[in-house]
């Protein structure tokens, strides 16, 4: 059996990279390929129990003890304990500083790009930090993989890489009338309320401030609109202050992180994704699977598109006006042809699963 040590950064259920890895891990032939995970321990729900039930091992470094030296010590200890054929590093994180240890032990290293920028937060310090984390990939990686063409070019520049798109179990996101009815009733929504939805961590790249400011202009014109935000994160407090300042308490619904997020896509009438940057956002795929119309930042890869998507700019007040106008004129009907388009697309699960298997063995 081929054994792979995955380095996703975090094993949290709210982590986009982990949701993609887990969708593969559940379906991969585990008699031939088995995953273990080395990552950061956090508060909140993680995939640890499910991983262990699927036969994998989980090794954790507490977030409070996460340093350059602690992650190098951690991977050395794990590699001393278990024999691995591959280390699969999902860039960009501090774990990139460990791949030389694996390579020197004769283990093949796969580097997987999930973002179209080095910057995972604001500021020059984080940009420089992330470049340091990735500086050694050209010395120690055996294979380069990216979730989209943009994310591959951003990290690997002119090196050759394989595109393997993010994939999910699309059937879980199919439209459900009962979910729509139940959740709308729970939050006091009627069918007159047009719900704009967003699922994502409250962090700089998700651009929540743009969302709130733009939605305030919609609310001024039509009080039947609602903005429903699912997720948590470091900028949640800032968002709450902005909502209060713009007097949108009755219009914006802060749901928090939800374990049943699949059901909420049936509630949405329109999905916004005004991200400053993304690799290949799985939430955009999930929304399409539910048939929800999308308005997306023009900074997001065009590789996302299966159903028609409206791509709009996010720079300045003129951009906000474009988002407002498009939201009022958007098609508010669900797209029911998704399954047929999915089978013909690069996101068809059997096709992507075969690509993952080919990373580790000839198929």
Protein backbone atom coordinates (compact mmCIF):
# COMPACT_ATOMS: atom_id res chain seq x y z
CA UNK A 1 0.00 0.00 0.00
CA UNK A 2 1.16 3.52 -0.82
CA UNK A 3 1.10 5.83 2.18
CA UNK A 4 0.86 9.61 1.80
CA UNK A 5 1.46 12.24 4.47
CA UNK A 6 -0.82 15.19 3.76
CA UNK A 7 0.29 18.65 4.94
CA UNK A 8 -2.89 20.76 4.62
CA UNK A 9 -2.01 23.38 7.24
CA UNK A 10 -5.19 22.91 9.29
CA UNK A 11 -7.54 19.94 9.60
CA UNK A 12 -10.47 22.17 10.56
CA UNK A 13 -13.84 21.51 8.94
CA UNK A 14 -13.97 25.17 7.95
CA UNK A 15 -10.73 24.90 5.94
CA UNK A 16 -11.37 24.88 2.19
CA UNK A 17 -8.30 22.83 1.36
CA UNK A 18 -9.29 20.17 3.85
CA UNK A 19 -12.81 19.90 2.45
CA UNK A 20 -11.31 19.15 -0.97
CA UNK A 21 -8.81 16.61 0.37
CA UNK A 22 -11.51 14.91 2.40
CA UNK A 23 -13.82 14.62 -0.61
CA UNK A 24 -11.04 12.67 -2.33
CA UNK A 25 -10.04 10.70 0.75
CA UNK A 26 -13.57 9.35 1.25
CA UNK A 27 -13.69 7.94 -2.28
CA UNK A 28 -10.09 6.98 -3.04
CA UNK A 29 -9.23 3.27 -3.15
CA UNK A 30 -7.82 2.98 0.38
CA UNK A 31 -6.65 -0.58 -0.25
CA UNK A 32 -4.07 0.99 -2.58
CA UNK A 33 -3.52 4.51 -1.18
CA UNK A 34 -3.86 5.65 2.44
CA UNK A 35 -3.60 9.20 3.78
CA UNK A 36 -2.20 10.40 7.09
CA UNK A 37 -2.40 14.05 8.14
CA UNK A 38 0.05 16.36 9.91
CA UNK A 39 -1.37 19.76 10.73
CA UNK A 40 -2.32 22.43 13.16
CA UNK A 41 -4.60 21.84 16.13
CA UNK A 42 -7.35 24.42 16.50
CA UNK A 43 -10.45 24.99 18.55
CA UNK A 44 -13.65 23.92 16.85
CA UNK A 45 -14.72 21.04 14.66
CA UNK A 46 -12.02 19.07 12.84
CA UNK A 47 -11.89 16.03 10.56
CA UNK A 48 -9.77 14.01 13.00
CA UNK A 49 -12.43 11.48 13.98
CA UNK A 50 -13.49 10.86 10.39
CA UNK A 51 -9.88 10.48 9.24
CA UNK A 52 -9.20 7.89 11.93
CA UNK A 53 -12.41 6.03 11.06
CA UNK A 54 -11.16 5.85 7.45
CA UNK A 55 -7.88 4.29 8.61
CA UNK A 56 -5.66 7.37 8.64
CA UNK A 57 -3.46 8.77 11.37
CA UNK A 58 -3.60 12.38 12.55
CA UNK A 59 -0.60 14.19 14.00
CA UNK A 60 -1.14 17.61 15.54
CA UNK A 61 1.02 20.57 16.49
CA UNK A 62 -0.94 22.91 18.80
CA UNK A 63 -1.48 26.32 17.24
CA UNK A 64 0.06 27.96 20.31
CA UNK A 65 3.30 26.07 19.66
CA UNK A 66 3.46 26.59 15.91
CA UNK A 67 6.96 27.77 14.98
CA UNK A 68 9.52 27.10 12.27
CA UNK A 69 11.36 24.74 14.58
CA UNK A 70 8.28 22.97 15.96
CA UNK A 71 6.95 22.00 12.52
CA UNK A 72 10.36 20.71 11.42
CA UNK A 73 10.66 18.71 14.62
CA UNK A 74 7.11 17.40 14.17
CA UNK A 75 7.62 16.11 10.64
CA UNK A 76 10.94 14.53 11.61
CA UNK A 77 9.22 12.67 14.44
CA UNK A 78 6.39 11.50 12.17
CA UNK A 79 8.79 10.33 9.46
CA UNK A 80 10.77 8.44 12.11
CA UNK A 81 7.60 6.65 13.17
CA UNK A 82 5.93 5.86 9.84
CA UNK A 83 7.17 4.98 6.35
CA UNK A 84 5.79 7.22 3.60
CA UNK A 85 6.04 7.13 -0.17
CA UNK A 86 4.86 10.73 -0.63
CA UNK A 87 4.56 13.97 1.29
CA UNK A 88 1.79 16.11 -0.21
CA UNK A 89 2.18 19.76 0.78
CA UNK A 90 -0.78 22.08 0.20
CA UNK A 91 0.71 25.54 -0.20
CA UNK A 92 0.91 28.10 1.29
CA UNK A 93 1.68 27.53 4.96
CA UNK A 94 4.49 27.16 7.46
CA UNK A 95 4.61 23.45 6.60
CA UNK A 96 6.40 24.36 3.40
CA UNK A 97 9.49 24.81 5.54
CA UNK A 98 9.57 21.02 6.16
CA UNK A 99 9.59 19.47 2.70
CA UNK A 100 13.38 19.33 2.48
CA UNK A 101 13.37 16.88 5.40
CA UNK A 102 11.12 14.51 3.46
CA UNK A 103 13.12 14.82 0.24
CA UNK A 104 16.40 14.06 2.02
CA UNK A 105 14.85 10.82 3.29
CA UNK A 106 14.05 9.72 -0.24
CA UNK A 107 10.34 10.55 -0.02
CA UNK A 108 8.71 12.09 -3.08
CA UNK A 109 7.28 15.56 -2.51
CA UNK A 110 4.15 16.94 -4.18
CA UNK A 111 3.47 20.68 -3.92
CA UNK A 112 -0.16 21.66 -4.47
CA UNK A 113 -1.06 25.32 -5.11
CA UNK A 114 -4.47 26.47 -3.85
CA UNK A 115 -4.17 30.24 -4.27
CA UNK A 116 -3.51 32.69 -7.06
CA UNK A 117 -1.45 35.00 -4.81
CA UNK A 118 1.34 34.75 -2.28
CA UNK A 119 -0.52 37.08 0.05
CA UNK A 120 -2.94 35.27 2.36
CA UNK A 121 -3.60 38.38 4.41
CA UNK A 122 -2.81 42.07 4.35
CA UNK A 123 0.66 43.52 4.45
CA UNK A 124 4.18 43.17 3.21
CA UNK A 125 5.24 41.02 6.18
CA UNK A 126 2.81 38.24 5.30
CA UNK A 127 3.73 38.43 1.64
CA UNK A 128 7.43 38.03 2.46
CA UNK A 129 6.64 35.28 4.97
CA UNK A 130 4.69 33.29 2.39
CA UNK A 131 7.47 33.66 -0.16
CA UNK A 132 9.91 32.27 2.39
CA UNK A 133 7.58 29.30 2.99
CA UNK A 134 7.63 28.52 -0.73
CA UNK A 135 11.24 29.39 -1.58
CA UNK A 136 12.41 25.79 -1.31
CA UNK A 137 9.74 24.13 -3.43
CA UNK A 138 11.83 24.34 -6.59
CA UNK A 139 14.67 22.53 -4.85
CA UNK A 140 12.71 19.75 -3.20
CA UNK A 141 9.46 19.11 -5.07
CA UNK A 142 9.05 16.17 -7.43
CA UNK A 143 5.63 17.19 -8.74
CA UNK A 144 3.74 20.46 -9.05
CA UNK A 145 -0.07 20.52 -8.92
CA UNK A 146 -2.53 23.43 -8.99
CA UNK A 147 -6.27 23.80 -8.55
CA UNK A 148 -6.45 26.21 -11.50
CA UNK A 149 -4.28 27.68 -14.21
CA UNK A 150 -4.03 30.98 -12.32
CA UNK A 151 -2.96 29.34 -9.06
CA UNK A 152 -0.34 27.28 -10.87
CA UNK A 153 1.21 30.25 -12.65
CA UNK A 154 1.21 32.29 -9.42
CA UNK A 155 3.21 29.76 -7.44
CA UNK A 156 5.21 27.81 -10.03
CA UNK A 157 5.79 30.59 -12.60
CA UNK A 158 7.10 28.97 -15.80
CA UNK A 159 7.51 25.45 -14.38
CA UNK A 160 5.27 22.73 -15.68
CA UNK A 161 2.41 21.75 -13.42
CA UNK A 162 -0.70 19.61 -13.57
CA UNK A 163 -4.12 21.18 -13.08
CA UNK A 164 -6.40 19.14 -10.84
CA UNK A 165 -9.51 21.14 -10.04
CA UNK A 166 -11.14 21.18 -6.63
CA UNK A 167 -13.99 18.74 -6.50
CA UNK A 168 -16.77 18.02 -4.05
CA UNK A 169 -19.61 15.57 -3.68
CA UNK A 170 -21.99 17.70 -5.72
CA UNK A 171 -25.00 15.53 -4.89
CA UNK A 172 -24.95 16.84 -1.30
CA UNK A 173 -25.68 20.36 -2.57
CA UNK A 174 -28.67 19.58 -4.74
CA UNK A 175 -31.64 21.85 -4.20
CA UNK A 176 -33.98 20.83 -1.37
CA UNK A 177 -37.41 22.42 -1.01
CA UNK A 178 -37.71 21.13 2.58
CA UNK A 179 -34.35 22.67 3.54
CA UNK A 180 -35.38 25.96 1.98
CA UNK A 181 -38.68 26.00 3.84
CA UNK A 182 -37.25 24.89 7.20
CA UNK A 183 -34.32 27.30 7.28
CA UNK A 184 -36.26 30.28 5.97
CA UNK A 185 -38.82 29.70 8.69
CA UNK A 186 -36.04 29.44 11.29
CA UNK A 187 -34.70 32.88 10.34
CA UNK A 188 -38.08 34.56 9.85
CA UNK A 189 -37.80 34.76 6.07
CA UNK A 190 -40.72 34.69 3.65
CA UNK A 191 -40.76 33.95 -0.05
CA UNK A 192 -40.90 37.72 -0.62
CA UNK A 193 -37.39 37.98 0.81
CA UNK A 194 -34.66 37.68 -1.79
CA UNK A 195 -31.67 36.18 -0.05
CA UNK A 196 -28.14 36.92 -1.20
CA UNK A 197 -25.82 34.33 0.32
CA UNK A 198 -22.14 33.98 1.04
CA UNK A 199 -20.18 31.16 2.66
CA UNK A 200 -16.65 31.87 3.78
CA UNK A 201 -14.25 32.68 6.56
CA UNK A 202 -14.27 36.25 7.84
CA UNK A 203 -10.76 37.05 6.61
CA UNK A 204 -9.33 39.82 4.39
CA UNK A 205 -9.33 37.96 1.08
CA UNK A 206 -13.08 37.28 1.29
CA UNK A 207 -13.80 41.03 1.10
CA UNK A 208 -16.73 41.20 3.52
CA UNK A 209 -16.45 44.97 3.88
CA UNK A 210 -17.17 45.36 0.15
CA UNK A 211 -20.14 43.03 0.52
CA UNK A 212 -21.68 44.95 3.41
CA UNK A 213 -21.16 48.35 1.81
CA UNK A 214 -22.61 47.16 -1.50
CA UNK A 215 -25.57 45.48 0.14
CA UNK A 216 -26.41 48.69 2.01
CA UNK A 217 -27.12 50.29 -1.36
CA UNK A 218 -29.48 47.46 -2.26
CA UNK A 219 -31.23 47.76 1.11
CA UNK A 220 -31.82 51.46 0.50
CA UNK A 221 -33.83 50.58 -2.60
CA UNK A 222 -35.61 47.39 -1.52
CA UNK A 223 -36.19 46.18 2.05
CA UNK A 224 -37.20 42.72 0.83
CA UNK A 225 -33.55 41.82 0.31
CA UNK A 226 -31.51 39.96 2.92
CA UNK A 227 -27.79 39.18 3.09
CA UNK A 228 -26.99 35.86 4.76
CA UNK A 229 -23.36 35.28 5.77
CA UNK A 230 -22.18 31.83 6.88
CA UNK A 231 -18.82 31.39 8.57
CA UNK A 232 -16.62 32.75 11.31
CA UNK A 233 -13.14 34.21 11.56
CA UNK A 234 -10.95 37.04 12.82
CA UNK A 235 -12.82 39.86 11.03
CA UNK A 236 -16.28 38.98 12.33
CA UNK A 237 -16.10 41.74 14.94
CA UNK A 238 -15.25 44.30 12.25
CA UNK A 239 -18.19 43.13 10.15
CA UNK A 240 -20.57 43.47 13.10
CA UNK A 241 -19.40 47.04 13.64
CA UNK A 242 -19.91 47.85 9.96
CA UNK A 243 -23.42 46.36 10.00
CA UNK A 244 -24.32 48.47 13.04
CA UNK A 245 -22.82 51.62 11.53
CA UNK A 246 -24.87 51.20 8.34
CA UNK A 247 -28.00 50.25 10.33
CA UNK A 248 -28.32 46.87 8.63
CA UNK A 249 -29.09 44.79 11.72
CA UNK A 250 -32.48 43.73 10.31
CA UNK A 251 -31.10 43.05 6.86
CA UNK A 252 -27.91 41.06 7.42
CA UNK A 253 -28.13 37.59 8.94
CA UNK A 254 -24.94 36.32 10.58
CA UNK A 255 -25.39 32.57 10.75
CA UNK A 256 -21.97 31.55 12.06
CA UNK A 257 -20.14 28.37 11.07
CA UNK A 258 -22.60 25.55 10.32
CA UNK A 259 -22.06 21.81 10.06
CA UNK A 260 -25.15 21.57 7.79
CA UNK A 261 -24.01 24.26 5.38
CA UNK A 262 -25.07 22.10 2.42
CA UNK A 263 -28.73 22.88 3.26
CA UNK A 264 -28.26 26.65 3.22
CA UNK A 265 -27.57 26.79 -0.51
CA UNK A 266 -31.25 25.92 -1.03
CA UNK A 267 -32.12 29.09 0.92
CA UNK A 268 -30.06 31.41 -1.29
CA UNK A 269 -31.58 33.11 -4.32
CA UNK A 270 -28.26 34.65 -5.38
CA UNK A 271 -24.67 33.97 -4.34
CA UNK A 272 -21.99 36.65 -3.99
CA UNK A 273 -18.26 35.93 -4.12
CA UNK A 274 -16.40 39.28 -4.16
CA UNK A 275 -13.04 37.79 -3.14
CA UNK A 276 -9.85 39.76 -3.58
CA UNK A 277 -8.18 36.52 -4.62
CA UNK A 278 -8.95 32.81 -4.69
CA UNK A 279 -7.38 29.66 -6.04
CA UNK A 280 -10.51 27.78 -7.01
CA UNK A 281 -13.27 28.49 -4.47
CA UNK A 282 -15.23 25.35 -3.62
CA UNK A 283 -18.15 27.47 -2.38
CA UNK A 284 -18.60 28.66 -5.96
CA UNK A 285 -18.88 25.05 -7.10
CA UNK A 286 -21.28 24.27 -4.26
CA UNK A 287 -23.54 27.18 -5.19
CA UNK A 288 -23.62 26.06 -8.81
CA UNK A 289 -24.47 22.51 -7.72
CA UNK A 290 -27.52 23.96 -5.94
CA UNK A 291 -28.42 25.88 -9.08
CA UNK A 292 -27.89 29.30 -7.44
CA UNK A 293 -26.99 32.21 -9.79
CA UNK A 294 -23.54 33.67 -9.01
CA UNK A 295 -21.97 37.11 -9.12
CA UNK A 296 -18.23 36.75 -8.69
CA UNK A 297 -15.20 39.01 -8.44
CA UNK A 298 -13.16 39.33 -11.61
CA UNK A 299 -10.16 38.35 -9.47
CA UNK A 300 -11.55 34.81 -9.24
CA UNK A 301 -10.43 32.30 -11.85
CA UNK A 302 -12.67 31.74 -14.86
CA UNK A 303 -11.99 28.03 -14.32
CA UNK A 304 -14.80 28.14 -11.75
CA UNK A 305 -17.51 28.44 -14.37
CA UNK A 306 -19.73 25.45 -15.10
CA UNK A 307 -23.04 27.32 -15.21
CA UNK A 308 -22.98 30.92 -16.52
CA UNK A 309 -21.40 33.27 -13.96
CA UNK A 310 -21.35 37.06 -13.85
CA UNK A 311 -17.79 38.33 -13.23
CA UNK A 312 -17.61 41.94 -11.98
CA UNK A 313 -14.84 44.27 -10.74
CA UNK A 314 -14.42 45.02 -7.03
CA UNK A 315 -12.40 48.24 -7.08
CA UNK A 316 -14.24 51.36 -5.97
CA UNK A 317 -17.75 52.77 -5.78
CA UNK A 318 -18.42 52.31 -9.49
CA UNK A 319 -17.85 48.60 -8.92
CA UNK A 320 -20.38 48.61 -6.11
CA UNK A 321 -22.94 50.15 -8.45
CA UNK A 322 -22.29 47.37 -10.96
CA UNK A 323 -22.88 44.74 -8.27
CA UNK A 324 -26.09 46.48 -7.17
CA UNK A 325 -27.45 46.76 -10.71
CA UNK A 326 -26.52 43.19 -11.58
CA UNK A 327 -28.15 41.91 -8.40
CA UNK A 328 -31.42 43.59 -9.30
CA UNK A 329 -31.34 42.28 -12.87
CA UNK A 330 -29.85 38.84 -12.17
CA UNK A 331 -31.66 35.71 -13.19
CA UNK A 332 -33.38 34.62 -9.98
CA UNK A 333 -34.21 31.16 -11.26
CA UNK A 334 -32.24 28.06 -10.39
CA UNK A 335 -30.24 26.35 -13.11
CA UNK A 336 -31.43 22.75 -13.37
CA UNK A 337 -28.97 21.63 -16.07
CA UNK A 338 -25.98 21.44 -13.74
CA UNK A 339 -25.71 17.64 -13.57
CA UNK A 340 -25.58 17.28 -17.35
CA UNK A 341 -22.89 19.99 -17.60
CA UNK A 342 -20.94 18.48 -14.70
CA UNK A 343 -20.51 15.10 -16.40
CA UNK A 344 -18.98 16.82 -19.43
CA UNK A 345 -16.74 19.09 -17.37
CA UNK A 346 -13.32 18.72 -15.79
CA UNK A 347 -15.06 18.67 -12.40
CA UNK A 348 -16.65 15.26 -12.96
CA UNK A 349 -15.69 13.38 -9.82
CA UNK A 350 -14.48 10.07 -11.34
CA UNK A 351 -12.20 12.04 -13.67
CA UNK A 352 -10.68 14.10 -10.84
CA UNK A 353 -10.32 11.06 -8.58
CA UNK A 354 -8.32 9.33 -11.31
CA UNK A 355 -6.02 12.38 -11.50
CA UNK A 356 -5.40 12.18 -7.74
CA UNK A 357 -4.66 8.46 -7.95
CA UNK A 358 -2.19 9.11 -10.77
CA UNK A 359 -0.21 11.42 -8.48
CA UNK A 360 0.71 8.45 -6.34
CA UNK A 361 0.64 5.50 -8.74
CA UNK A 362 0.20 4.56 -12.38
CA UNK A 363 -3.51 4.17 -13.19
